[in-house]
Amino acid sequence: MTLSDEAAELVKAYAESAGVSLSRSVSDLIERGSRRKARIKLVNGIPVFDIPGGRRVTTAEAKRLEVDER
Protein backbone atom coordinates (compact mmCIF):
# COMPACT_ATOMS: atom_id res chain seq x y z
CA MET A 1 0.00 0.00 0.00
CA THR A 2 1.30 3.44 -0.89
CA LEU A 3 0.15 6.43 1.14
CA SER A 4 0.69 10.10 0.54
CA ASP A 5 3.25 11.70 2.83
CA GLU A 6 0.48 13.47 4.74
CA ALA A 7 -1.56 10.27 5.20
CA ALA A 8 1.54 8.37 6.33
CA GLU A 9 2.29 11.03 8.94
CA LEU A 10 -1.30 10.88 10.22
CA VAL A 11 -1.17 7.08 10.47
CA LYS A 12 2.18 7.21 12.26
CA ALA A 13 0.98 9.85 14.73
CA TYR A 14 -2.20 7.87 15.43
CA ALA A 15 -0.20 4.65 15.94
CA GLU A 16 2.13 6.32 18.41
CA SER A 17 -0.64 8.01 20.37
CA ALA A 18 -2.84 4.90 20.48
CA GLY A 19 0.05 2.50 21.10
CA VAL A 20 -0.88 0.27 18.16
CA SER A 21 0.81 -0.98 15.00
CA LEU A 22 0.76 0.95 11.75
CA SER A 23 -1.52 -1.65 10.14
CA ARG A 24 -3.94 -1.45 13.07
CA SER A 25 -3.85 2.33 12.76
CA VAL A 26 -4.74 2.17 9.07
CA SER A 27 -7.66 -0.17 9.86
CA ASP A 28 -8.90 2.00 12.73
CA LEU A 29 -8.74 5.20 10.70
CA ILE A 30 -10.50 3.66 7.69
CA GLU A 31 -13.26 2.24 9.89
CA ARG A 32 -13.65 5.54 11.75
CA GLY A 33 -13.82 7.48 8.50
CA SER A 34 -16.44 5.18 6.97
CA ARG A 35 -18.90 5.35 9.87
CA ARG A 36 -22.03 7.36 9.32
CA LYS A 37 -21.81 10.74 10.92
CA ALA A 38 -24.54 11.93 13.26
CA ARG A 39 -26.81 14.23 11.33
CA ILE A 40 -27.53 17.40 13.23
CA LYS A 41 -29.84 20.15 12.07
CA LEU A 42 -30.83 23.44 13.60
CA VAL A 43 -34.45 23.88 14.68
CA ASN A 44 -35.19 27.41 15.84
CA GLY A 45 -31.47 27.84 16.49
CA ILE A 46 -31.21 24.66 18.63
CA PRO A 47 -29.05 21.73 17.42
CA VAL A 48 -31.23 18.61 17.04
CA PHE A 49 -30.21 15.07 16.05
CA ASP A 50 -31.87 14.14 12.76
CA ILE A 51 -32.61 10.43 13.09
CA PRO A 52 -34.14 8.87 9.97
CA GLY A 53 -37.27 6.99 10.97
CA GLY A 54 -37.00 8.31 14.50
CA ARG A 55 -39.98 9.45 16.49
CA ARG A 56 -40.56 12.63 18.42
CA VAL A 57 -39.92 12.57 22.14
CA THR A 58 -42.41 14.67 24.04
CA THR A 59 -41.55 17.00 26.91
CA ALA A 60 -43.53 14.73 29.23
CA GLU A 61 -41.43 11.71 28.21
CA ALA A 62 -38.20 13.65 28.73
CA LYS A 63 -39.31 14.79 32.19
CA ARG A 64 -40.34 11.23 33.12
CA LEU A 65 -36.94 9.91 32.04
CA GLU A 66 -35.20 12.65 34.00
CA VAL A 67 -37.13 11.67 37.15
CA ASP A 68 -36.46 7.94 36.55
CA GLU A 69 -32.73 8.60 36.29
CA ARG A 70 -32.48 10.04 39.81
C-alpha atoms as a PDB file:
ATOM      1  CA  MET A   1       0.000   0.000   0.000  1.00  0.00           C
ATOM      2  CA  THR A   2       1.295   3.436  -0.891  1.00  0.00           C
ATOM      3  CA  LEU A   3       0.152   6.432   1.139  1.00  0.00           C
ATOM      4  CA  SER A   4       0.685  10.099   0.541  1.00  0.00           C
ATOM      5  CA  ASP A   5       3.250  11.695   2.828  1.00  0.00           C
ATOM      6  CA  GLU A   6       0.475  13.468   4.741  1.00  0.00           C
ATOM      7  CA  ALA A   7      -1.564  10.268   5.204  1.00  0.00           C
ATOM      8  CA  ALA A   8       1.545   8.367   6.325  1.00  0.00           C
ATOM      9  CA  GLU A   9       2.291  11.029   8.942  1.00  0.00           C
ATOM     10  CA  LEU A  10      -1.302  10.885  10.225  1.00  0.00           C
ATOM     11  CA  VAL A  11      -1.172   7.080  10.473  1.00  0.00           C
ATOM     12  CA  LYS A  12       2.178   7.211  12.259  1.00  0.00           C
ATOM     13  CA  ALA A  13       0.980   9.854  14.728  1.00  0.00           C
ATOM     14  CA  TYR A  14      -2.196   7.866  15.428  1.00  0.00           C
ATOM     15  CA  ALA A  15      -0.196   4.647  15.939  1.00  0.00           C
ATOM     16  CA  GLU A  16       2.129   6.317  18.407  1.00  0.00           C
ATOM     17  CA  SER A  17      -0.643   8.012  20.374  1.00  0.00           C
ATOM     18  CA  ALA A  18      -2.842   4.897  20.480  1.00  0.00           C
ATOM     19  CA  GLY A  19       0.047   2.500  21.097  1.00  0.00           C
ATOM     20  CA  VAL A  20      -0.884   0.267  18.162  1.00  0.00           C
ATOM     21  CA  SER A  21       0.810  -0.980  15.003  1.00  0.00           C
ATOM     22  CA  LEU A  22       0.758   0.946  11.747  1.00  0.00           C
ATOM     23  CA  SER A  23      -1.518  -1.654  10.143  1.00  0.00           C
ATOM     24  CA  ARG A  24      -3.943  -1.451  13.072  1.00  0.00           C
ATOM     25  CA  SER A  25      -3.847   2.333  12.755  1.00  0.00           C
ATOM     26  CA  VAL A  26      -4.744   2.172   9.068  1.00  0.00           C
ATOM     27  CA  SER A  27      -7.657  -0.167   9.860  1.00  0.00           C
ATOM     28  CA  ASP A  28      -8.898   1.995  12.729  1.00  0.00           C
ATOM     29  CA  LEU A  29      -8.741   5.198  10.704  1.00  0.00           C
ATOM     30  CA  ILE A  30     -10.496   3.658   7.685  1.00  0.00           C
ATOM     31  CA  GLU A  31     -13.259   2.245   9.891  1.00  0.00           C
ATOM     32  CA  ARG A  32     -13.652   5.537  11.749  1.00  0.00           C
ATOM     33  CA  GLY A  33     -13.819   7.475   8.497  1.00  0.00           C
ATOM     34  CA  SER A  34     -16.437   5.181   6.974  1.00  0.00           C
ATOM     35  CA  ARG A  35     -18.905   5.349   9.869  1.00  0.00           C
ATOM     36  CA  ARG A  36     -22.034   7.356   9.317  1.00  0.00           C
ATOM     37  CA  LYS A  37     -21.806  10.739  10.921  1.00  0.00           C
ATOM     38  CA  ALA A  38     -24.536  11.928  13.257  1.00  0.00           C
ATOM     39  CA  ARG A  39     -26.814  14.229  11.333  1.00  0.00           C
ATOM     40  CA  ILE A  40     -27.528  17.397  13.227  1.00  0.00           C
ATOM     41  CA  LYS A  41     -29.841  20.145  12.075  1.00  0.00           C
ATOM     42  CA  LEU A  42     -30.834  23.442  13.605  1.00  0.00           C
ATOM     43  CA  VAL A  43     -34.451  23.879  14.676  1.00  0.00           C
ATOM     44  CA  ASN A  44     -35.193  27.410  15.837  1.00  0.00           C
ATOM     45  CA  GLY A  45     -31.473  27.835  16.491  1.00  0.00           C
ATOM     46  CA  ILE A  46     -31.214  24.663  18.625  1.00  0.00           C
ATOM     47  CA  PRO A  47     -29.046  21.729  17.420  1.00  0.00           C
ATOM     48  CA  VAL A  48     -31.226  18.606  17.042  1.00  0.00           C
ATOM     49  CA  PHE A  49     -30.211  15.068  16.047  1.00  0.00           C
ATOM     50  CA  ASP A  50     -31.870  14.140  12.761  1.00  0.00           C
ATOM     51  CA  ILE A  51     -32.607  10.425  13.092  1.00  0.00           C
ATOM     52  CA  PRO A  52     -34.142   8.865   9.973  1.00  0.00           C
ATOM     53  CA  GLY A  53     -37.270   6.990  10.967  1.00  0.00           C
ATOM     54  CA  GLY A  54     -36.996   8.313  14.502  1.00  0.00           C
ATOM     55  CA  ARG A  55     -39.982   9.453  16.488  1.00  0.00           C
ATOM     56  CA  ARG A  56     -40.556  12.631  18.417  1.00  0.00           C
ATOM     57  CA  VAL A  57     -39.922  12.575  22.136  1.00  0.00           C
ATOM     58  CA  THR A  58     -42.410  14.674  24.043  1.00  0.00           C
ATOM     59  CA  THR A  59     -41.547  16.998  26.912  1.00  0.00           C
ATOM     60  CA  ALA A  60     -43.535  14.730  29.229  1.00  0.00           C
ATOM     61  CA  GLU A  61     -41.427  11.709  28.212  1.00  0.00           C
ATOM     62  CA  ALA A  62     -38.198  13.647  28.728  1.00  0.00           C
ATOM     63  CA  LYS A  63     -39.310  14.787  32.187  1.00  0.00           C
ATOM     64  CA  ARG A  64     -40.337  11.234  33.120  1.00  0.00           C
ATOM     65  CA  LEU A  65     -36.936   9.911  32.045  1.00  0.00           C
ATOM     66  CA  GLU A  66     -35.203  12.646  34.000  1.00  0.00           C
ATOM     67  CA  VAL A  67     -37.130  11.669  37.152  1.00  0.00           C
ATOM     68  CA  ASP A  68     -36.458   7.936  36.551  1.00  0.00           C
ATOM     69  CA  GLU A  69     -32.729   8.602  36.291  1.00  0.00           C
ATOM     70  CA  ARG A  70     -32.484  10.042  39.809  1.00  0.00           C
END
